[in-house]
Amino acid sequence: MLAIGQELIRAEQIESLPEISQQNRAAILALPKMEGIYEVESNEVGPDGAEGNFYRLAVWLSKEGTIEDFQAMIRDPEAVVRAMSLVCLLRSNRPLPALTGDDEIIAVTLGCMGMDVTLELFSQLLSTADWWKQSFLDYPEE
C-alpha cells in the first residue's frame, strides 16, 4: 500500500487513482514500489490472460504522467520503477534509453512465461522485439 495524503492506495485500486498534481507527483511516480508490484507483468498473464498489475499501472501512469516524469523515473534506485519508466516511454512513443550496464535482475511475466532478465536486456527487447513491445501496448481497436 502507498499513502497519498491520508489515502491508502492498493494495487487493485489503480483505476481510481487521483490525477497527478504537484502535491502528489512524487508519491504517484513511486507507485511501482508499492506492495504487490514487484514484477513486470504484461497485458496478458496467467492461464486466464488477465492484465497484470504492472501493466494496469503503466496504462494509467502513461496517460497521467509526463515525458519528464518518465525520464526522471529512469534514475530511480528501484529496478521496478526503472522498468516502469521504460514501458511508459514506450507507450508514449518515445525512444528508450539503452540502460547499458544496468545488470539488475527483474522478474518479467509475458503471458504464461516467467523469466528473469537484466534491465539492460529488458530495454533492448522493448526496443527491438515486436512481441515484447506488443506485450506492453494496448490491443488495436477492432
Protein backbone atom coordinates (compact mmCIF):
# COMPACT_ATOMS: atom_id res chain seq x y z
CA MET A 1 0.00 0.00 0.00
CA LEU A 2 1.05 3.58 -0.57
CA ALA A 3 -0.16 6.66 1.27
CA ILE A 4 -1.13 9.68 -0.82
CA GLY A 5 -2.13 12.34 1.66
CA GLN A 6 -4.35 10.42 4.07
CA GLU A 7 -5.47 7.95 1.42
CA LEU A 8 -4.03 4.44 1.11
CA ILE A 9 -3.71 3.06 -2.42
CA ARG A 10 -3.63 -0.67 -3.17
CA ALA A 11 -2.70 -2.34 -6.45
CA GLU A 12 -6.31 -3.23 -7.20
CA GLN A 13 -7.37 0.45 -6.89
CA ILE A 14 -5.26 1.64 -9.82
CA GLU A 15 -8.23 2.74 -11.93
CA SER A 16 -9.41 5.10 -9.20
CA LEU A 17 -6.11 6.88 -8.58
CA PRO A 18 -6.20 10.67 -8.44
CA GLU A 19 -4.90 12.93 -11.17
CA ILE A 20 -1.21 13.70 -10.82
CA SER A 21 -0.67 17.13 -9.30
CA GLN A 22 2.42 18.87 -7.98
CA GLN A 23 1.33 17.91 -4.48
CA ASN A 24 1.13 14.15 -5.08
CA ARG A 25 3.59 13.81 -8.01
CA ALA A 26 6.43 12.15 -6.05
CA ALA A 27 4.10 9.66 -4.39
CA ILE A 28 2.33 8.77 -7.63
CA LEU A 29 5.58 8.24 -9.52
CA ALA A 30 6.77 5.90 -6.77
CA LEU A 31 3.68 3.70 -7.17
CA PRO A 32 5.56 0.82 -8.83
CA LYS A 33 7.32 0.30 -5.47
CA MET A 34 4.02 -0.29 -3.70
CA GLU A 35 3.06 -3.61 -2.22
CA GLY A 36 2.00 -6.08 -4.87
CA ILE A 37 4.04 -4.76 -7.80
CA TYR A 38 7.40 -6.45 -7.58
CA GLU A 39 7.46 -7.95 -11.02
CA VAL A 40 6.93 -6.67 -14.54
CA GLU A 41 3.66 -8.13 -15.82
CA SER A 42 2.38 -7.69 -19.37
CA ASN A 43 -1.09 -7.15 -20.82
CA GLU A 44 -1.88 -10.89 -20.55
CA VAL A 45 -0.64 -13.01 -17.65
CA GLY A 46 -1.55 -16.37 -16.27
CA PRO A 47 -3.95 -19.01 -17.57
CA ASP A 48 -6.87 -16.57 -17.89
CA GLY A 49 -4.89 -13.91 -19.78
CA ALA A 50 -5.69 -11.11 -17.34
CA GLU A 51 -3.84 -7.79 -17.32
CA GLY A 52 -1.07 -7.71 -14.74
CA ASN A 53 -0.97 -5.01 -12.06
CA PHE A 54 2.26 -3.61 -13.51
CA TYR A 55 0.61 -3.27 -16.94
CA ARG A 56 -2.55 -1.68 -15.49
CA LEU A 57 -0.43 0.85 -13.61
CA ALA A 58 1.62 1.56 -16.76
CA VAL A 59 -1.57 2.29 -18.73
CA TRP A 60 -2.74 4.78 -16.10
CA LEU A 61 0.66 6.34 -15.47
CA SER A 62 1.45 6.77 -19.19
CA LYS A 63 -1.76 8.83 -19.51
CA GLU A 64 -1.30 10.90 -16.34
CA GLY A 65 2.47 11.37 -16.25
CA THR A 66 4.75 13.43 -18.45
CA ILE A 67 7.79 12.52 -20.52
CA GLU A 68 9.88 14.40 -17.94
CA ASP A 69 8.38 12.22 -15.19
CA PHE A 70 9.29 9.04 -17.07
CA GLN A 71 12.82 10.26 -17.76
CA ALA A 72 13.25 11.06 -14.06
CA MET A 73 12.00 7.60 -13.09
CA ILE A 74 14.81 6.01 -15.11
CA ARG A 75 17.21 7.19 -12.39
CA ASP A 76 15.25 5.64 -9.51
CA PRO A 77 17.20 3.18 -7.35
CA GLU A 78 14.34 0.64 -7.58
CA ALA A 79 14.52 -1.68 -10.61
CA VAL A 80 10.72 -1.94 -10.97
CA VAL A 81 10.45 1.87 -11.21
CA ARG A 82 13.13 1.95 -13.93
CA ALA A 83 11.25 -0.80 -15.79
CA MET A 84 8.03 1.22 -15.45
CA SER A 85 9.77 4.26 -16.92
CA LEU A 86 10.76 2.21 -19.98
CA VAL A 87 7.21 0.95 -20.51
CA CYS A 88 5.74 4.45 -20.06
CA LEU A 89 8.22 5.85 -22.58
CA LEU A 90 7.34 3.02 -25.00
CA ARG A 91 3.62 3.70 -24.53
CA SER A 92 4.32 7.41 -25.17
CA ASN A 93 6.09 6.54 -28.45
CA ARG A 94 9.43 7.86 -27.21
CA PRO A 95 12.89 6.37 -27.74
CA LEU A 96 14.04 4.11 -24.95
CA PRO A 97 17.38 4.55 -23.22
CA ALA A 98 19.69 1.55 -23.64
CA LEU A 99 20.42 1.17 -19.90
CA THR A 100 23.81 -0.22 -20.87
CA GLY A 101 25.42 -1.87 -17.88
CA ASP A 102 22.22 -1.97 -15.78
CA ASP A 103 22.59 -5.57 -14.66
CA GLU A 104 19.89 -5.53 -12.01
CA ILE A 105 17.59 -8.52 -12.49
CA ILE A 106 13.82 -8.07 -12.81
CA ALA A 107 11.14 -10.75 -12.92
CA VAL A 108 9.06 -10.45 -16.09
CA THR A 109 5.82 -12.28 -16.90
CA LEU A 110 4.63 -12.32 -20.51
CA GLY A 111 1.56 -14.47 -20.91
CA CYS A 112 2.24 -17.71 -19.07
CA MET A 113 6.02 -17.38 -19.34
CA GLY A 114 8.05 -16.02 -16.46
CA MET A 115 11.70 -15.11 -16.75
CA ASP A 116 14.40 -13.10 -15.07
CA VAL A 117 16.21 -10.56 -17.24
CA THR A 118 18.54 -7.65 -16.65
CA LEU A 119 17.16 -4.15 -17.12
CA GLU A 120 19.66 -3.68 -19.95
CA LEU A 121 18.20 -6.71 -21.78
CA PHE A 122 14.63 -5.61 -20.96
CA SER A 123 15.26 -2.22 -22.60
CA GLN A 124 16.85 -3.90 -25.65
CA LEU A 125 13.91 -6.28 -26.06
CA LEU A 126 11.34 -3.48 -25.70
CA SER A 127 13.26 -1.53 -28.36
CA THR A 128 13.73 -4.32 -30.89
CA ALA A 129 11.37 -7.29 -30.37
CA ASP A 130 7.82 -6.73 -31.62
CA TRP A 131 6.32 -9.40 -29.36
CA TRP A 132 7.82 -7.72 -26.29
CA LYS A 133 6.61 -4.28 -27.43
CA GLN A 134 3.07 -5.54 -28.04
CA SER A 135 3.01 -7.14 -24.60
CA PHE A 136 3.06 -3.67 -23.03
CA LEU A 137 0.95 -1.74 -25.56
CA ASP A 138 -2.82 -1.66 -25.91
CA TYR A 139 -4.59 -4.02 -28.23
CA PRO A 140 -5.63 -2.44 -31.54
CA GLU A 141 -9.27 -1.41 -31.73
CA GLU A 142 -11.38 -3.79 -33.80
